[in-house]
Amino acid sequence: MRRMLLVMALTGATAVSAQKIADPKPFAATITPDDLKKHLYIVAGAEMQGRETASEGQRKAAAYIENQFKTLGLLPGNKDNFQAGFPVYQDSLISSFIEVNGKRFDGTKDFLINLSQANTSTIMSSEVVFAGYGVSDSTRNDYKDIDVQGKIVLVMQSATSSSGGNSVRVRTSPFMIMRDAQKNGAAAVLLVPGTVMRRGAPLAKGPLYQEAYKKNILPNTYLITEDVARAIMGAEFEAAKEAIKNGNPQPKTYQADVKLDFKKSVNELNSTNVIGYLEGSDKKDEYVFITAHYDHLGKRGDSVIYYGADDDGSGTVSILELAEAFVKAKAAGKGPRRSIVFMTVSGEEKGLWGSEYYSDHPLFPLEKTTVDLNIDMIGRTDPKRKGDSSNYVYVVGDDKLSSDLRPISEAMNKKYTKLELDYKYNAPNDPERIYFRSDHYNFARKGVPIIFYFNGTHKDYHQPSDTPDKIDYKQMAKRAQLVFYTAWEMANRNEMLKRDIPLTK
């Protein structure tokens, strides 16, 4: 009997030992200031050209990150690929002109058209309908009793106008004018703005965008000079202009041969998230995500580079060091129970595009993703912060979706890194809305608990002067180690995090 009890006791001790989490400190110690600095001078170097989404610099940065993941022995996160693409579009102007009764007006001085909002078309019409302010809503209807179906509409803008001695404000934003013209069936809009129109050469290329397929196609809208309007309305232009000022414009159809010609090409580009993962052991089908965005603002002209060392080169290279630390732990027989996914995303500076695309098209089940630890700017200090700024990090979102998360975060910090965890940007009434402004939010909106690590903004934020020489590498390493310790605990604890707090949208 006694022998049996001893065997049972030893068996139980072995089982407890098997579940005991190994000491993470030797592996955290491999995250060093020197290694972070080595990577950052490459990622935020001139060769990467500011890493703008869908640019050559972004592709070079992605290749560097992928190569590091391969060298470490991570598994590719997108089937056989380390990069997972998402669509990006950009418009290029081919030509644009307006012709009135044989007289041609060009886009360098006579009109403006929004390259992204307009669509390739040639419209030739013998009539133009003047529709006052072009407003059609509950406050007024400039389209009452006139038929603009399939016609070119001419409208005039005025921020304020006077009617019967009383000042009235007429809502005439260009977008609302376009929407109201569409609602009434107009084929195109000519808009005389209420202020002096900017002149100059039209943009050869428009901004990047994602939504190429639109639910509603708005009519092409040209902001025109008074000269174009006079060519259509003749001597009646001045009277119409005065009526706009006085608040009583009268609709009228003008006979004029008008040709509106606009041509552009839509370039289908591509950007990528770079994803590698380390397979876990007994809980390998559950996941800890560690994320950062590697894109930045690119170049302006041929010489001005937005290096983005802190934003978010600091998070990107921290991902590389964290991955190396976990790989070394697994090589030593102390690998994580859950799989750890290391994902660097692009498109963050454009509106969280890469993480949004991933969260809408996940490669690992979101319901099996226990947490996302997101790193966006951990290499500098916040000059606006009161008190000692030599040993802190802003922690955001740790109390938003899981009651498990903050206690774990604080326990890991207390045990290992002893940073001051500053919750300034975690306040529900944070005027800067930091919680909603980085890639973790696209995990949070899907219900995945998150922590966002952040050092605050500074005078070099989104400036070409955000360079690697200004980084506090010692403090950056300590912040990255806090992420490592927290991820270590998340990857090895028995249960996934509870999801017991409703999402704040």
Protein backbone atom coordinates (compact mmCIF):
# COMPACT_ATOMS: atom_id res chain seq x y z
CA MET A 1 0.00 0.00 0.00
CA ARG A 2 2.76 2.41 0.94
CA ARG A 3 4.67 1.63 -2.24
CA MET A 4 1.54 2.24 -4.28
CA LEU A 5 1.06 5.65 -2.63
CA LEU A 6 4.65 6.60 -3.42
CA VAL A 7 4.23 5.66 -7.08
CA MET A 8 1.00 7.65 -7.25
CA ALA A 9 2.68 10.66 -5.60
CA LEU A 10 5.57 10.57 -8.06
CA THR A 11 3.17 10.24 -10.99
CA GLY A 12 1.19 13.24 -9.76
CA ALA A 13 4.34 15.31 -9.30
CA THR A 14 5.41 14.51 -12.86
CA ALA A 15 2.01 15.60 -14.20
CA VAL A 16 2.22 18.91 -12.30
CA SER A 17 5.76 19.44 -13.53
CA ALA A 18 4.67 18.80 -17.12
CA GLN A 19 2.17 21.66 -16.87
CA LYS A 20 4.55 24.04 -15.12
CA ILE A 21 5.52 26.97 -17.30
CA ALA A 22 9.26 27.12 -17.95
CA ASP A 23 11.34 30.14 -16.95
CA PRO A 24 11.02 32.70 -19.77
CA LYS A 25 13.79 35.03 -18.56
CA PRO A 26 16.69 33.51 -20.54
CA PHE A 27 14.71 33.90 -23.76
CA ALA A 28 13.45 37.39 -22.99
CA ALA A 29 17.08 38.37 -22.44
CA THR A 30 17.77 37.66 -26.14
CA ILE A 31 15.68 40.75 -27.01
CA THR A 32 18.49 43.27 -26.87
CA PRO A 33 18.94 46.96 -27.71
CA ASP A 34 21.74 46.10 -30.13
CA ASP A 35 19.67 43.60 -32.10
CA LEU A 36 16.71 45.95 -32.28
CA LYS A 37 18.98 48.72 -33.48
CA LYS A 38 20.55 46.51 -36.15
CA HIS A 39 17.14 45.67 -37.62
CA LEU A 40 15.73 49.17 -37.32
CA TYR A 41 18.54 50.84 -39.23
CA ILE A 42 17.57 48.56 -42.11
CA VAL A 43 13.76 48.70 -41.85
CA ALA A 44 13.79 52.49 -41.35
CA GLY A 45 16.70 53.08 -43.70
CA ALA A 46 16.72 55.11 -46.91
CA GLU A 47 16.57 51.97 -49.07
CA MET A 48 13.04 51.25 -47.81
CA GLN A 49 11.88 54.69 -49.10
CA GLY A 50 9.43 55.23 -46.24
CA ARG A 51 7.58 51.92 -46.82
CA GLU A 52 4.41 53.46 -48.25
CA THR A 53 1.64 50.94 -48.90
CA ALA A 54 1.76 49.37 -52.39
CA SER A 55 5.13 50.98 -53.12
CA GLU A 56 8.53 49.55 -53.97
CA GLY A 57 9.75 50.47 -50.50
CA GLN A 58 6.91 48.54 -48.88
CA ARG A 59 7.75 45.50 -51.01
CA LYS A 60 11.41 45.70 -49.97
CA ALA A 61 10.44 45.87 -46.31
CA ALA A 62 8.08 42.91 -46.73
CA ALA A 63 10.86 40.90 -48.35
CA TYR A 64 13.22 41.71 -45.46
CA ILE A 65 10.66 40.63 -42.86
CA GLU A 66 9.84 37.47 -44.80
CA ASN A 67 13.51 36.58 -45.04
CA GLN A 68 13.91 37.02 -41.27
CA PHE A 69 10.91 34.76 -40.62
CA LYS A 70 12.33 32.12 -42.97
CA THR A 71 15.76 32.31 -41.36
CA LEU A 72 14.22 31.82 -37.94
CA GLY A 73 12.38 28.74 -39.17
CA LEU A 74 8.84 30.07 -38.74
CA LEU A 75 6.10 28.42 -40.76
CA PRO A 76 4.40 30.47 -43.50
CA GLY A 77 1.08 31.88 -42.35
CA ASN A 78 -0.69 31.88 -45.74
CA LYS A 79 -0.52 28.24 -46.84
CA ASP A 80 2.92 28.07 -48.48
CA ASN A 81 3.45 31.83 -48.43
CA PHE A 82 4.66 34.26 -45.81
CA GLN A 83 2.89 37.14 -47.53
CA ALA A 84 -0.88 37.54 -47.78
CA GLY A 85 -2.00 40.12 -50.30
CA PHE A 86 -4.95 42.47 -50.37
CA PRO A 87 -6.15 44.73 -53.18
CA VAL A 88 -5.27 48.41 -53.45
CA TYR A 89 -6.26 50.74 -56.26
CA GLN A 90 -4.96 54.00 -57.67
CA ASP A 91 -6.30 56.13 -60.51
CA SER A 92 -4.18 57.77 -63.19
CA LEU A 93 -5.46 60.67 -65.28
CA ILE A 94 -5.38 60.17 -69.03
CA SER A 95 -7.22 63.28 -70.24
CA SER A 96 -9.99 65.66 -69.32
CA PHE A 97 -11.64 68.67 -70.97
CA ILE A 98 -14.88 70.63 -71.23
CA GLU A 99 -16.08 72.02 -74.54
CA VAL A 100 -18.88 74.63 -74.80
CA ASN A 101 -20.14 75.58 -78.26
CA GLY A 102 -16.81 74.58 -79.76
CA LYS A 103 -14.67 76.42 -77.19
CA ARG A 104 -12.42 74.12 -75.19
CA PHE A 105 -11.64 74.56 -71.50
CA ASP A 106 -8.91 72.51 -69.85
CA GLY A 107 -8.20 71.22 -66.39
CA THR A 108 -5.12 73.31 -65.75
CA LYS A 109 -7.02 76.56 -65.24
CA ASP A 110 -10.74 76.26 -66.05
CA PHE A 111 -12.06 73.40 -63.93
CA LEU A 112 -11.25 70.72 -61.34
CA ILE A 113 -12.52 67.17 -61.14
CA ASN A 114 -11.92 64.64 -58.37
CA LEU A 115 -9.84 61.88 -59.93
CA SER A 116 -10.99 59.24 -57.45
CA GLN A 117 -14.69 60.08 -57.52
CA ALA A 118 -15.07 60.52 -61.28
CA ASN A 119 -15.51 57.76 -63.84
CA THR A 120 -14.37 57.57 -67.44
CA SER A 121 -17.09 59.01 -69.64
CA THR A 122 -17.83 61.27 -72.59
CA ILE A 123 -21.10 63.19 -72.39
CA MET A 124 -22.34 65.34 -75.27
CA SER A 125 -25.50 67.32 -74.58
CA SER A 126 -27.36 70.20 -76.24
CA GLU A 127 -28.94 71.42 -72.97
CA VAL A 128 -27.79 72.39 -69.49
CA VAL A 129 -30.25 72.86 -66.63
CA PHE A 130 -29.51 75.55 -64.03
CA ALA A 131 -30.70 74.18 -60.66
CA GLY A 132 -29.78 76.96 -58.24
CA TYR A 133 -27.89 75.62 -55.23
CA GLY A 134 -28.49 72.01 -56.28
CA VAL A 135 -30.10 71.14 -52.94
CA SER A 136 -32.85 68.55 -52.66
CA ASP A 137 -33.78 67.68 -49.11
CA SER A 138 -36.27 68.49 -46.34
CA THR A 139 -35.05 72.10 -46.09
CA ARG A 140 -35.45 73.06 -49.75
CA ASN A 141 -35.77 71.49 -53.18
CA ASP A 142 -34.07 73.24 -56.08
CA TYR A 143 -35.18 70.40 -58.36
CA LYS A 144 -38.89 70.98 -57.81
CA ASP A 145 -40.83 71.29 -61.06
CA ILE A 146 -37.76 70.72 -63.27
CA ASP A 147 -36.70 67.59 -65.13
CA VAL A 148 -32.97 66.85 -64.98
CA GLN A 149 -33.19 63.15 -65.81
CA GLY A 150 -30.17 62.32 -67.98
CA LYS A 151 -29.16 66.00 -68.26
CA ILE A 152 -26.15 68.12 -67.30
CA VAL A 153 -26.94 70.23 -64.25
CA LEU A 154 -25.28 73.55 -63.46
CA VAL A 155 -25.38 74.72 -59.83
CA MET A 156 -23.73 77.48 -57.80
CA GLN A 157 -22.34 77.37 -54.30
CA SER A 158 -22.85 79.94 -51.60
CA ALA A 159 -21.98 79.42 -47.94
CA THR A 160 -24.51 82.04 -46.85
CA SER A 161 -27.14 84.01 -48.68
CA SER A 162 -29.62 86.72 -47.83
CA SER A 163 -33.36 86.36 -48.33
CA GLY A 164 -35.90 88.99 -47.28
CA GLY A 165 -33.34 90.69 -45.06
CA ASN A 166 -32.68 87.47 -43.11
CA SER A 167 -29.39 85.61 -43.36
CA VAL A 168 -29.90 81.96 -44.30
CA ARG A 169 -27.33 79.18 -44.64
CA VAL A 170 -27.69 76.89 -47.61
CA ARG A 171 -26.00 73.52 -47.30
CA THR A 172 -24.06 73.05 -50.51
CA SER A 173 -21.11 70.74 -49.87
CA PRO A 174 -19.89 69.18 -53.12
CA PHE A 175 -20.66 65.66 -51.96
CA MET A 176 -24.25 66.57 -51.02
CA ILE A 177 -24.66 68.33 -54.35
CA MET A 178 -23.47 65.19 -56.15
CA ARG A 179 -25.79 63.00 -54.10
CA ASP A 180 -28.84 65.22 -54.70
CA ALA A 181 -28.07 65.43 -58.41
CA GLN A 182 -27.84 61.64 -58.56
CA LYS A 183 -31.12 61.31 -56.66
CA ASN A 184 -32.81 63.43 -59.31
CA GLY A 185 -31.25 61.55 -62.21
CA ALA A 186 -28.64 64.05 -63.45
CA ALA A 187 -25.99 62.74 -65.84
CA ALA A 188 -23.27 65.19 -64.73
CA VAL A 189 -22.81 68.29 -62.57
CA LEU A 190 -21.10 71.59 -63.26
CA LEU A 191 -20.49 73.38 -59.96
CA VAL A 192 -19.44 77.02 -59.59
CA PRO A 193 -17.84 77.15 -56.12
CA GLY A 194 -18.62 79.95 -53.71
CA THR A 195 -14.94 80.74 -53.17
CA VAL A 196 -12.04 81.38 -55.52
CA MET A 197 -11.14 78.10 -57.16
CA ARG A 198 -7.63 76.73 -56.84
CA ARG A 199 -5.92 76.52 -60.20
CA GLY A 200 -2.99 74.48 -61.41
CA ALA A 201 -2.11 71.26 -63.16
CA PRO A 202 -4.40 68.35 -62.24
CA LEU A 203 -2.97 65.42 -60.31
CA ALA A 204 -1.51 62.76 -62.56
CA LYS A 205 -2.25 60.12 -59.93
CA GLY A 206 -4.90 59.99 -57.24
CA PRO A 207 -4.61 58.65 -53.69
CA LEU A 208 -4.64 54.94 -52.94
CA TYR A 209 -7.98 53.44 -52.08
CA GLN A 210 -9.56 50.07 -51.38
CA GLU A 211 -13.21 50.25 -52.34
CA ALA A 212 -13.17 49.88 -56.12
CA TYR A 213 -16.68 48.45 -56.30
CA LYS A 214 -19.18 51.06 -55.16
CA LYS A 215 -22.83 50.64 -54.27
CA ASN A 216 -23.72 53.99 -55.84
CA ILE A 217 -22.11 55.68 -58.83
CA LEU A 218 -22.24 59.44 -58.40
CA PRO A 219 -22.37 61.70 -61.46
CA ASN A 220 -19.08 63.22 -62.57
CA THR A 221 -18.86 66.65 -60.98
CA TYR A 222 -16.71 69.43 -62.39
CA LEU A 223 -15.83 72.48 -60.29
CA ILE A 224 -15.84 75.16 -62.96
CA THR A 225 -14.75 78.77 -63.21
CA GLU A 226 -17.21 81.55 -63.89
CA ASP A 227 -15.83 81.70 -67.43
CA VAL A 228 -17.19 78.22 -68.15
CA ALA A 229 -20.57 79.13 -66.63
CA ARG A 230 -20.72 82.33 -68.71
CA ALA A 231 -20.04 80.35 -71.87
CA ILE A 232 -23.18 78.33 -71.11
CA MET A 233 -25.48 80.98 -69.60
CA GLY A 234 -24.34 83.99 -71.59
CA ALA A 235 -25.46 87.41 -70.32
CA GLU A 236 -27.79 85.80 -67.77
CA PHE A 237 -24.88 84.51 -65.67
CA GLU A 238 -24.56 87.72 -63.61
CA ALA A 239 -28.26 87.73 -62.77
CA ALA A 240 -28.10 84.09 -61.69
CA LYS A 241 -25.05 84.83 -59.56
CA GLU A 242 -26.86 87.69 -57.85
CA ALA A 243 -29.91 85.50 -57.27
CA ILE A 244 -27.69 82.96 -55.54
CA LYS A 245 -26.45 85.71 -53.21
CA ASN A 246 -30.01 86.87 -52.53
CA GLY A 247 -31.36 83.38 -51.89
CA ASN A 248 -33.86 83.20 -54.77
CA PRO A 249 -32.30 81.51 -57.81
CA GLN A 250 -34.73 80.45 -60.52
CA PRO A 251 -34.23 77.27 -62.55
CA LYS A 252 -33.79 77.53 -66.29
CA THR A 253 -32.72 75.34 -69.18
CA TYR A 254 -29.97 76.74 -71.44
CA GLN A 255 -29.35 75.67 -75.00
CA ALA A 256 -25.63 74.96 -75.39
CA ASP A 257 -23.60 72.23 -77.02
CA VAL A 258 -21.52 70.91 -74.14
CA LYS A 259 -19.01 68.07 -74.24
CA LEU A 260 -17.65 66.68 -70.96
CA ASP A 261 -14.76 64.32 -71.53
CA PHE A 262 -12.93 62.51 -68.74
CA LYS A 263 -10.65 59.49 -69.08
CA LYS A 264 -8.64 57.69 -66.42
CA SER A 265 -7.05 54.31 -65.89
CA VAL A 266 -7.65 52.30 -62.73
CA ASN A 267 -4.45 50.63 -61.59
CA GLU A 268 -4.96 47.44 -59.60
CA LEU A 269 -2.11 47.34 -57.13
CA ASN A 270 -1.41 44.96 -54.28
CA SER A 271 -0.08 45.22 -50.77
CA THR A 272 0.73 42.47 -48.29
CA ASN A 273 0.70 41.42 -44.68
CA VAL A 274 3.72 39.31 -43.72
CA ILE A 275 2.76 36.36 -41.51
CA GLY A 276 4.83 33.64 -39.90
CA TYR A 277 3.93 31.34 -37.05
CA LEU A 278 5.49 29.04 -34.52
CA GLU A 279 3.50 25.88 -33.95
CA GLY A 280 2.48 25.12 -30.39
CA SER A 281 2.30 21.79 -28.64
CA ASP A 282 -0.84 20.45 -26.96
CA LYS A 283 -2.86 23.61 -27.74
CA LYS A 284 -1.47 24.25 -31.23
CA ASP A 285 -4.95 24.89 -32.65
CA GLU A 286 -5.31 27.99 -30.45
CA TYR A 287 -3.40 31.16 -31.27
CA VAL A 288 -1.63 34.12 -29.76
CA PHE A 289 -1.20 36.96 -32.25
CA ILE A 290 1.58 39.54 -32.00
CA THR A 291 1.16 42.35 -34.52
CA ALA A 292 2.71 45.59 -35.76
CA HIS A 293 2.42 47.62 -38.94
CA TYR A 294 5.48 47.93 -41.13
CA ASP A 295 4.17 50.53 -43.59
CA HIS A 296 4.71 54.27 -43.22
CA LEU A 297 4.19 57.45 -45.28
CA GLY A 298 6.70 56.91 -48.07
CA LYS A 299 8.40 59.74 -49.95
CA ARG A 300 7.53 63.26 -51.01
CA GLY A 301 9.24 64.07 -54.27
CA ASP A 302 12.60 62.49 -54.96
CA SER A 303 14.42 63.38 -51.77
CA VAL A 304 12.15 63.66 -48.72
CA ILE A 305 11.75 60.30 -46.98
CA TYR A 306 9.40 59.65 -44.07
CA TYR A 307 11.55 57.05 -42.33
CA GLY A 308 9.01 55.93 -39.72
CA ALA A 309 11.57 54.63 -37.24
CA ASP A 310 9.26 54.86 -34.26
CA ASP A 311 6.04 54.63 -36.30
CA ASP A 312 6.15 51.75 -36.67
CA GLY A 313 9.63 50.51 -37.37
CA SER A 314 9.95 50.05 -33.62
CA GLY A 315 7.01 47.63 -33.53
CA THR A 316 8.14 45.83 -36.68
CA VAL A 317 11.63 45.03 -35.45
CA SER A 318 10.26 44.11 -32.04
CA ILE A 319 8.20 41.44 -33.81
CA LEU A 320 11.41 40.04 -35.30
CA GLU A 321 13.10 39.89 -31.91
CA LEU A 322 10.05 38.39 -30.22
CA ALA A 323 9.87 35.71 -32.89
CA GLU A 324 13.54 34.89 -32.39
CA ALA A 325 13.08 34.61 -28.62
CA PHE A 326 10.19 32.16 -28.96
CA VAL A 327 12.06 30.12 -31.60
CA LYS A 328 15.00 29.79 -29.22
CA ALA A 329 12.67 28.69 -26.44
CA LYS A 330 11.19 25.97 -28.66
CA ALA A 331 14.66 24.85 -29.74
CA ALA A 332 15.49 24.45 -26.04
CA GLY A 333 12.45 22.22 -25.55
CA LYS A 334 10.41 24.98 -23.92
CA GLY A 335 8.20 26.01 -26.76
CA PRO A 336 4.69 27.43 -26.33
CA ARG A 337 1.58 25.32 -25.87
CA ARG A 338 -0.44 27.56 -28.19
CA SER A 339 0.75 28.53 -31.64
CA ILE A 340 2.10 32.07 -31.89
CA VAL A 341 1.39 34.07 -35.04
CA PHE A 342 3.72 36.96 -35.83
CA MET A 343 2.03 39.34 -38.27
CA THR A 344 3.31 42.60 -39.66
CA VAL A 345 0.68 44.46 -41.65
CA SER A 346 0.66 47.22 -44.22
CA GLY A 347 -1.96 49.84 -44.97
CA GLU A 348 -2.21 50.99 -41.34
CA GLU A 349 -1.41 54.58 -42.24
CA LYS A 350 -4.15 54.52 -44.90
CA GLY A 351 -6.85 53.48 -42.44
CA LEU A 352 -5.93 50.11 -40.88
CA TRP A 353 -6.33 48.44 -44.28
CA GLY A 354 -4.12 45.38 -43.79
CA SER A 355 -5.51 44.38 -40.41
CA GLU A 356 -9.06 45.08 -41.57
CA TYR A 357 -8.55 42.80 -44.55
CA TYR A 358 -7.08 40.10 -42.33
CA SER A 359 -9.88 40.28 -39.78
CA ASP A 360 -12.45 40.00 -42.57
CA HIS A 361 -10.50 37.16 -44.25
CA PRO A 362 -8.74 35.41 -41.34
CA LEU A 363 -6.17 32.70 -42.01
CA PHE A 364 -6.42 31.40 -38.43
CA PRO A 365 -9.80 31.09 -36.70
CA LEU A 366 -10.63 34.26 -34.78
CA GLU A 367 -12.69 32.27 -32.30
CA LYS A 368 -9.52 30.32 -31.49
CA THR A 369 -7.37 33.46 -31.25
CA THR A 370 -6.97 34.10 -27.55
CA VAL A 371 -5.38 37.55 -27.81
CA ASP A 372 -3.77 40.10 -30.10
CA LEU A 373 -0.80 41.97 -28.62
CA ASN A 374 -0.25 44.96 -30.92
CA ILE A 375 2.91 47.08 -30.90
CA ASP A 376 2.73 50.50 -32.54
CA MET A 377 5.46 52.97 -31.51
CA ILE A 378 7.54 51.81 -28.52
CA GLY A 379 10.88 53.45 -29.32
CA ARG A 380 10.50 57.01 -28.03
CA THR A 381 9.16 59.01 -25.09
CA ASP A 382 6.18 61.31 -24.91
CA PRO A 383 7.31 64.90 -24.14
CA LYS A 384 3.80 65.73 -22.93
CA ARG A 385 3.87 63.03 -20.27
CA LYS A 386 4.18 64.23 -16.70
CA GLY A 387 6.72 62.61 -14.39
CA ASP A 388 9.53 60.16 -15.10
CA SER A 389 9.50 59.00 -18.73
CA SER A 390 12.51 56.70 -18.52
CA ASN A 391 10.60 53.54 -17.63
CA TYR A 392 6.99 53.46 -18.87
CA VAL A 393 4.68 52.32 -21.61
CA TYR A 394 1.10 53.30 -22.44
CA VAL A 395 -1.18 50.26 -22.24
CA VAL A 396 -4.45 50.50 -24.13
CA GLY A 397 -7.41 48.13 -24.37
CA ASP A 398 -6.46 45.59 -21.72
CA ASP A 399 -9.78 46.05 -19.91
CA LYS A 400 -12.03 46.22 -22.95
CA LEU A 401 -13.03 42.64 -23.80
CA SER A 402 -11.71 40.25 -21.17
CA SER A 403 -11.56 40.55 -17.40
CA ASP A 404 -8.60 38.12 -17.50
CA LEU A 405 -6.36 40.43 -19.46
CA ARG A 406 -5.34 43.27 -17.17
CA PRO A 407 -4.51 41.04 -14.18
CA ILE A 408 -2.24 38.93 -16.38
CA SER A 409 -0.60 42.00 -17.94
CA GLU A 410 0.04 43.61 -14.59
CA ALA A 411 1.28 40.38 -13.01
CA MET A 412 3.81 39.81 -15.81
CA ASN A 413 5.04 43.38 -15.54
CA LYS A 414 5.30 43.22 -11.76
CA LYS A 415 7.22 39.95 -11.88
CA TYR A 416 9.60 40.71 -14.73
CA THR A 417 9.87 44.19 -16.31
CA LYS A 418 8.59 46.61 -13.65
CA LEU A 419 7.64 49.30 -16.14
CA GLU A 420 5.13 51.96 -15.19
CA LEU A 421 1.96 50.94 -17.02
CA ASP A 422 0.27 54.19 -17.97
CA TYR A 423 -3.45 53.96 -18.80
CA LYS A 424 -3.85 57.55 -19.99
CA TYR A 425 -5.06 56.56 -23.46
CA ASN A 426 -7.30 53.81 -22.14
CA ALA A 427 -9.89 56.25 -20.83
CA PRO A 428 -13.30 55.97 -22.52
CA ASN A 429 -13.31 59.72 -23.13
CA ASP A 430 -9.77 59.87 -24.57
CA PRO A 431 -10.00 62.82 -27.01
CA GLU A 432 -7.37 61.27 -29.27
CA ARG A 433 -9.31 57.98 -29.52
CA ILE A 434 -6.08 56.01 -29.52
CA TYR A 435 -7.91 52.74 -28.88
CA PHE A 436 -9.48 52.95 -32.35
CA ARG A 437 -6.36 54.06 -34.24
CA SER A 438 -4.14 51.02 -34.63
CA ASP A 439 -4.42 47.49 -35.93
CA HIS A 440 -5.52 45.84 -32.70
CA TYR A 441 -8.95 47.41 -33.19
CA ASN A 442 -9.70 45.14 -36.15
CA PHE A 443 -9.21 42.17 -33.84
CA ALA A 444 -11.23 43.81 -31.08
CA ARG A 445 -14.19 44.54 -33.37
CA LYS A 446 -14.31 40.80 -34.03
CA GLY A 447 -14.32 40.02 -30.30
CA VAL A 448 -10.64 39.10 -29.82
CA PRO A 449 -9.16 40.52 -26.59
CA ILE A 450 -6.29 42.91 -27.25
CA ILE A 451 -3.50 44.94 -25.69
CA PHE A 452 -1.99 47.89 -27.53
CA TYR A 453 1.51 49.05 -26.50
CA PHE A 454 2.34 52.67 -27.32
CA ASN A 455 4.84 55.36 -26.28
CA GLY A 456 2.77 58.41 -27.25
CA THR A 457 3.41 60.98 -29.95
CA HIS A 458 6.29 63.45 -30.21
CA LYS A 459 7.47 66.26 -32.48
CA ASP A 460 8.82 63.77 -35.04
CA TYR A 461 5.52 61.88 -35.33
CA HIS A 462 4.62 61.60 -39.04
CA GLN A 463 7.60 63.74 -39.96
CA PRO A 464 10.69 62.93 -42.04
CA SER A 465 12.68 63.41 -38.82
CA ASP A 466 11.36 60.15 -37.27
CA THR A 467 14.74 58.48 -37.72
CA PRO A 468 16.53 55.51 -36.07
CA ASP A 469 19.14 57.67 -34.32
CA LYS A 470 16.43 59.14 -32.05
CA ILE A 471 15.24 55.82 -30.65
CA ASP A 472 15.72 54.90 -26.98
CA TYR A 473 16.80 51.32 -27.66
CA LYS A 474 17.20 50.35 -24.03
CA GLN A 475 13.64 51.33 -23.12
CA MET A 476 12.38 49.86 -26.38
CA ALA A 477 13.93 46.49 -25.52
CA LYS A 478 12.30 46.52 -22.10
CA ARG A 479 8.89 47.28 -23.58
CA ALA A 480 9.34 44.47 -26.12
CA GLN A 481 10.28 42.13 -23.28
CA LEU A 482 7.01 43.00 -21.52
CA VAL A 483 5.18 41.91 -24.66
CA PHE A 484 7.23 38.71 -24.68
CA TYR A 485 6.43 37.85 -21.07
CA THR A 486 2.75 38.59 -21.59
CA ALA A 487 2.64 36.50 -24.77
CA TRP A 488 4.50 33.69 -22.97
CA GLU A 489 1.80 33.57 -20.29
CA MET A 490 -1.00 33.76 -22.89
CA ALA A 491 0.57 30.94 -24.90
CA ASN A 492 1.02 28.59 -21.95
CA ARG A 493 -1.94 29.10 -19.59
CA ASN A 494 -4.55 26.37 -19.41
CA GLU A 495 -7.53 28.33 -20.71
CA MET A 496 -8.07 30.87 -23.44
CA LEU A 497 -8.98 34.34 -22.22
CA LYS A 498 -12.57 34.88 -21.23
CA ARG A 499 -14.55 37.16 -23.53
CA ASP A 500 -16.86 38.58 -20.94
CA ILE A 501 -16.91 42.34 -21.60
CA PRO A 502 -19.02 43.81 -24.44
CA LEU A 503 -17.17 45.56 -27.26
CA THR A 504 -17.23 49.36 -27.18
CA LYS A 505 -17.65 50.62 -30.75
